[in-house]
């Protein structure tokens, strides 16, 4: 199970992409299931900083909070709906 330390929006984007790819799901499929555009999901995965994300990570650093993400790839592709 991969564990990724998240220190900035780009780290979070990489974790999202890795989790999606581990499930063999395309950006289009995931975005559609969430009601997002593929463009928006691509922006998230690229780690493009937003005002919200930048402030969130500043607060986390200031408080000394460490965020890690762990995920397991499901065995079946239909687990996306779970």
N, C-alpha and C. Protein backbone atom coordinates (compact mmCIF):
# COMPACT_ATOMS: atom_id res chain seq x y z
N UNK A 1 0.85 -1.17 0.00
CA UNK A 1 0.00 0.00 0.00
C UNK A 1 0.90 1.23 0.00
N UNK A 2 0.81 2.05 -1.04
CA UNK A 2 1.62 3.26 -1.09
C UNK A 2 1.19 4.25 0.00
N UNK A 3 2.17 4.91 0.61
CA UNK A 3 1.91 5.99 1.55
C UNK A 3 2.69 7.19 1.06
N UNK A 4 2.01 8.31 0.95
CA UNK A 4 2.62 9.51 0.40
C UNK A 4 2.45 10.64 1.39
N UNK A 5 3.54 11.33 1.72
CA UNK A 5 3.44 12.49 2.60
C UNK A 5 3.02 13.69 1.75
N UNK A 6 2.03 14.41 2.24
CA UNK A 6 1.47 15.54 1.50
C UNK A 6 1.95 16.84 2.16
N UNK A 7 2.77 17.59 1.44
CA UNK A 7 3.29 18.86 1.97
C UNK A 7 2.81 20.07 1.18
N UNK A 8 2.31 19.83 -0.02
CA UNK A 8 1.89 20.94 -0.89
C UNK A 8 0.86 20.42 -1.88
N UNK A 9 0.15 21.32 -2.57
CA UNK A 9 -0.87 20.87 -3.52
C UNK A 9 -0.35 19.89 -4.57
N UNK A 10 0.88 20.06 -5.01
CA UNK A 10 1.43 19.15 -6.02
C UNK A 10 1.53 17.72 -5.48
N UNK A 11 1.87 17.58 -4.19
CA UNK A 11 1.94 16.25 -3.59
C UNK A 11 0.56 15.60 -3.56
N UNK A 12 -0.44 16.40 -3.22
CA UNK A 12 -1.81 15.88 -3.18
C UNK A 12 -2.26 15.47 -4.58
N UNK A 13 -1.92 16.28 -5.57
CA UNK A 13 -2.25 15.94 -6.95
C UNK A 13 -1.63 14.63 -7.39
N UNK A 14 -0.36 14.42 -7.02
CA UNK A 14 0.32 13.17 -7.37
C UNK A 14 -0.36 11.98 -6.70
N UNK A 15 -0.80 12.16 -5.45
CA UNK A 15 -1.47 11.07 -4.73
C UNK A 15 -2.81 10.74 -5.40
N UNK A 16 -3.55 11.77 -5.79
CA UNK A 16 -4.83 11.55 -6.46
C UNK A 16 -4.62 10.81 -7.78
N UNK A 17 -3.65 11.23 -8.55
CA UNK A 17 -3.36 10.58 -9.83
C UNK A 17 -2.95 9.13 -9.61
N UNK A 18 -2.06 8.89 -8.65
CA UNK A 18 -1.60 7.52 -8.38
C UNK A 18 -2.76 6.62 -7.97
N UNK A 19 -3.65 7.12 -7.11
CA UNK A 19 -4.79 6.32 -6.67
C UNK A 19 -5.73 6.03 -7.83
N UNK A 20 -5.96 7.03 -8.68
CA UNK A 20 -6.83 6.83 -9.84
C UNK A 20 -6.23 5.82 -10.80
N UNK A 21 -4.95 5.98 -11.10
CA UNK A 21 -4.29 5.07 -12.03
C UNK A 21 -4.20 3.65 -11.48
N UNK A 22 -4.04 3.52 -10.16
CA UNK A 22 -3.99 2.19 -9.55
C UNK A 22 -5.31 1.45 -9.74
N UNK A 23 -6.37 2.20 -9.92
CA UNK A 23 -7.69 1.62 -10.14
C UNK A 23 -8.02 1.49 -11.63
N UNK A 24 -7.08 1.86 -12.48
CA UNK A 24 -7.27 1.80 -13.94
C UNK A 24 -8.51 2.58 -14.37
N UNK A 25 -8.66 3.76 -13.81
CA UNK A 25 -9.79 4.63 -14.13
C UNK A 25 -9.24 5.85 -14.86
N UNK A 26 -9.92 6.26 -15.92
CA UNK A 26 -9.49 7.45 -16.65
C UNK A 26 -9.97 8.71 -15.93
N UNK A 27 -9.36 9.83 -16.28
CA UNK A 27 -9.83 11.10 -15.74
C UNK A 27 -11.29 11.33 -16.12
N UNK A 28 -11.64 11.03 -17.36
CA UNK A 28 -13.02 11.21 -17.81
C UNK A 28 -14.00 10.40 -16.96
N UNK A 29 -13.66 9.14 -16.71
CA UNK A 29 -14.55 8.28 -15.92
C UNK A 29 -14.72 8.79 -14.50
N UNK A 30 -13.62 9.15 -13.86
CA UNK A 30 -13.69 9.61 -12.47
C UNK A 30 -14.42 10.95 -12.39
N UNK A 31 -14.06 11.86 -13.27
CA UNK A 31 -14.71 13.17 -13.25
C UNK A 31 -16.21 13.04 -13.47
N UNK A 32 -16.59 12.22 -14.40
CA UNK A 32 -18.01 12.02 -14.69
C UNK A 32 -18.74 11.44 -13.48
N UNK A 33 -18.13 10.49 -12.80
CA UNK A 33 -18.78 9.87 -11.64
C UNK A 33 -18.91 10.84 -10.47
N UNK A 34 -18.08 11.88 -10.46
CA UNK A 34 -18.11 12.87 -9.39
C UNK A 34 -18.88 14.13 -9.77
N UNK A 35 -19.26 14.24 -11.03
CA UNK A 35 -19.94 15.44 -11.49
C UNK A 35 -18.99 16.60 -11.73
N UNK A 36 -17.71 16.30 -11.98
CA UNK A 36 -16.70 17.30 -12.29
C UNK A 36 -16.41 17.25 -13.78
N UNK A 37 -15.78 18.31 -14.27
CA UNK A 37 -15.26 18.23 -15.63
C UNK A 37 -13.90 17.54 -15.57
N UNK A 38 -13.50 16.93 -16.70
CA UNK A 38 -12.18 16.31 -16.76
C UNK A 38 -11.11 17.38 -16.58
N UNK A 39 -11.36 18.58 -17.08
CA UNK A 39 -10.42 19.68 -16.94
C UNK A 39 -10.16 19.97 -15.46
N UNK A 40 -11.23 20.05 -14.66
CA UNK A 40 -11.08 20.34 -13.23
C UNK A 40 -10.27 19.24 -12.55
N UNK A 41 -10.58 17.99 -12.85
CA UNK A 41 -9.84 16.88 -12.25
C UNK A 41 -8.37 16.95 -12.66
N UNK A 42 -8.11 17.29 -13.91
CA UNK A 42 -6.73 17.45 -14.37
C UNK A 42 -6.00 18.53 -13.60
N UNK A 43 -6.71 19.62 -13.30
CA UNK A 43 -6.12 20.71 -12.51
C UNK A 43 -5.77 20.21 -11.10
N UNK A 44 -6.66 19.43 -10.50
CA UNK A 44 -6.39 18.87 -9.17
C UNK A 44 -5.16 17.97 -9.22
N UNK A 45 -5.12 17.09 -10.21
CA UNK A 45 -4.00 16.16 -10.32
C UNK A 45 -2.69 16.85 -10.65
N UNK A 46 -2.74 17.98 -11.31
CA UNK A 46 -1.51 18.69 -11.63
C UNK A 46 -0.97 19.43 -10.41
N UNK A 47 -1.80 19.51 -9.36
CA UNK A 47 -1.36 20.20 -8.15
C UNK A 47 -1.38 21.70 -8.28
N UNK A 48 -2.15 22.18 -9.23
CA UNK A 48 -2.24 23.62 -9.43
C UNK A 48 -2.71 24.28 -8.14
N UNK A 49 -1.90 25.18 -7.59
CA UNK A 49 -2.28 25.79 -6.32
C UNK A 49 -3.48 26.72 -6.47
N UNK A 50 -4.38 26.61 -5.52
CA UNK A 50 -5.51 27.52 -5.43
C UNK A 50 -5.36 28.30 -4.14
N UNK A 51 -6.10 29.37 -4.00
CA UNK A 51 -6.05 30.15 -2.76
C UNK A 51 -6.39 29.25 -1.58
N UNK A 52 -7.43 28.45 -1.72
CA UNK A 52 -7.83 27.57 -0.63
C UNK A 52 -6.72 26.59 -0.26
N UNK A 53 -6.18 25.90 -1.25
CA UNK A 53 -5.15 24.90 -0.97
C UNK A 53 -3.90 25.54 -0.39
N UNK A 54 -3.50 26.68 -0.91
CA UNK A 54 -2.31 27.36 -0.41
C UNK A 54 -2.48 27.74 1.05
N UNK A 55 -3.63 28.28 1.38
CA UNK A 55 -3.88 28.65 2.78
C UNK A 55 -3.98 27.42 3.68
N UNK A 56 -4.62 26.38 3.18
CA UNK A 56 -4.73 25.14 3.95
C UNK A 56 -3.35 24.60 4.31
N UNK A 57 -2.45 24.53 3.35
CA UNK A 57 -1.13 24.00 3.62
C UNK A 57 -0.31 24.93 4.50
N UNK A 58 -0.53 26.23 4.42
CA UNK A 58 0.13 27.16 5.34
C UNK A 58 -0.31 26.91 6.77
N UNK A 59 -1.60 26.70 6.98
CA UNK A 59 -2.13 26.42 8.32
C UNK A 59 -1.56 25.10 8.84
N UNK A 60 -1.56 24.07 8.00
CA UNK A 60 -1.04 22.77 8.42
C UNK A 60 0.43 22.88 8.84
N UNK A 61 1.23 23.59 8.04
CA UNK A 61 2.65 23.76 8.39
C UNK A 61 2.81 24.52 9.69
N UNK A 62 2.06 25.60 9.85
CA UNK A 62 2.14 26.43 11.05
C UNK A 62 1.81 25.63 12.30
N UNK A 63 0.84 24.72 12.20
CA UNK A 63 0.42 23.92 13.33
C UNK A 63 1.26 22.64 13.50
N UNK A 64 2.17 22.40 12.56
CA UNK A 64 3.00 21.22 12.64
C UNK A 64 2.24 19.94 12.34
N UNK A 65 1.19 20.06 11.53
CA UNK A 65 0.38 18.89 11.18
C UNK A 65 0.98 18.23 9.94
N UNK A 66 1.21 16.93 10.03
CA UNK A 66 1.72 16.16 8.91
C UNK A 66 0.58 15.34 8.34
N UNK A 67 0.38 15.43 7.04
CA UNK A 67 -0.69 14.71 6.36
C UNK A 67 -0.06 13.64 5.48
N UNK A 68 -0.56 12.42 5.62
CA UNK A 68 -0.13 11.34 4.73
C UNK A 68 -1.38 10.69 4.14
N UNK A 69 -1.21 10.15 2.97
CA UNK A 69 -2.29 9.49 2.27
C UNK A 69 -1.84 8.07 1.97
N UNK A 70 -2.68 7.10 2.29
CA UNK A 70 -2.42 5.71 1.96
C UNK A 70 -3.62 5.18 1.18
N UNK A 71 -3.36 4.32 0.22
CA UNK A 71 -4.47 3.74 -0.53
C UNK A 71 -4.11 2.36 -1.03
N UNK A 72 -5.13 1.58 -1.22
CA UNK A 72 -4.98 0.26 -1.82
C UNK A 72 -5.81 0.25 -3.09
N UNK A 73 -5.27 -0.34 -4.11
CA UNK A 73 -6.01 -0.48 -5.36
C UNK A 73 -7.01 -1.61 -5.21
N UNK A 74 -8.27 -1.37 -5.57
CA UNK A 74 -9.24 -2.45 -5.50
C UNK A 74 -8.94 -3.51 -6.55
N UNK A 75 -9.41 -4.70 -6.31
CA UNK A 75 -9.19 -5.79 -7.23
C UNK A 75 -10.03 -5.62 -8.48
N UNK A 76 -11.25 -5.09 -8.31
CA UNK A 76 -12.17 -4.95 -9.44
C UNK A 76 -12.37 -3.48 -9.79
N UNK A 77 -12.52 -3.21 -11.06
CA UNK A 77 -12.74 -1.85 -11.57
C UNK A 77 -14.06 -1.27 -11.09
N UNK A 78 -15.07 -2.09 -10.86
CA UNK A 78 -16.37 -1.57 -10.45
C UNK A 78 -16.37 -1.07 -9.01
N UNK A 79 -15.26 -1.17 -8.32
CA UNK A 79 -15.14 -0.64 -6.96
C UNK A 79 -15.19 0.88 -6.94
N UNK A 80 -15.06 1.53 -8.09
CA UNK A 80 -15.13 2.98 -8.17
C UNK A 80 -16.42 3.51 -7.58
N UNK A 81 -17.51 2.78 -7.73
CA UNK A 81 -18.80 3.23 -7.24
C UNK A 81 -18.97 2.97 -5.74
N UNK A 82 -18.06 2.27 -5.14
CA UNK A 82 -18.19 1.92 -3.70
C UNK A 82 -17.93 3.11 -2.82
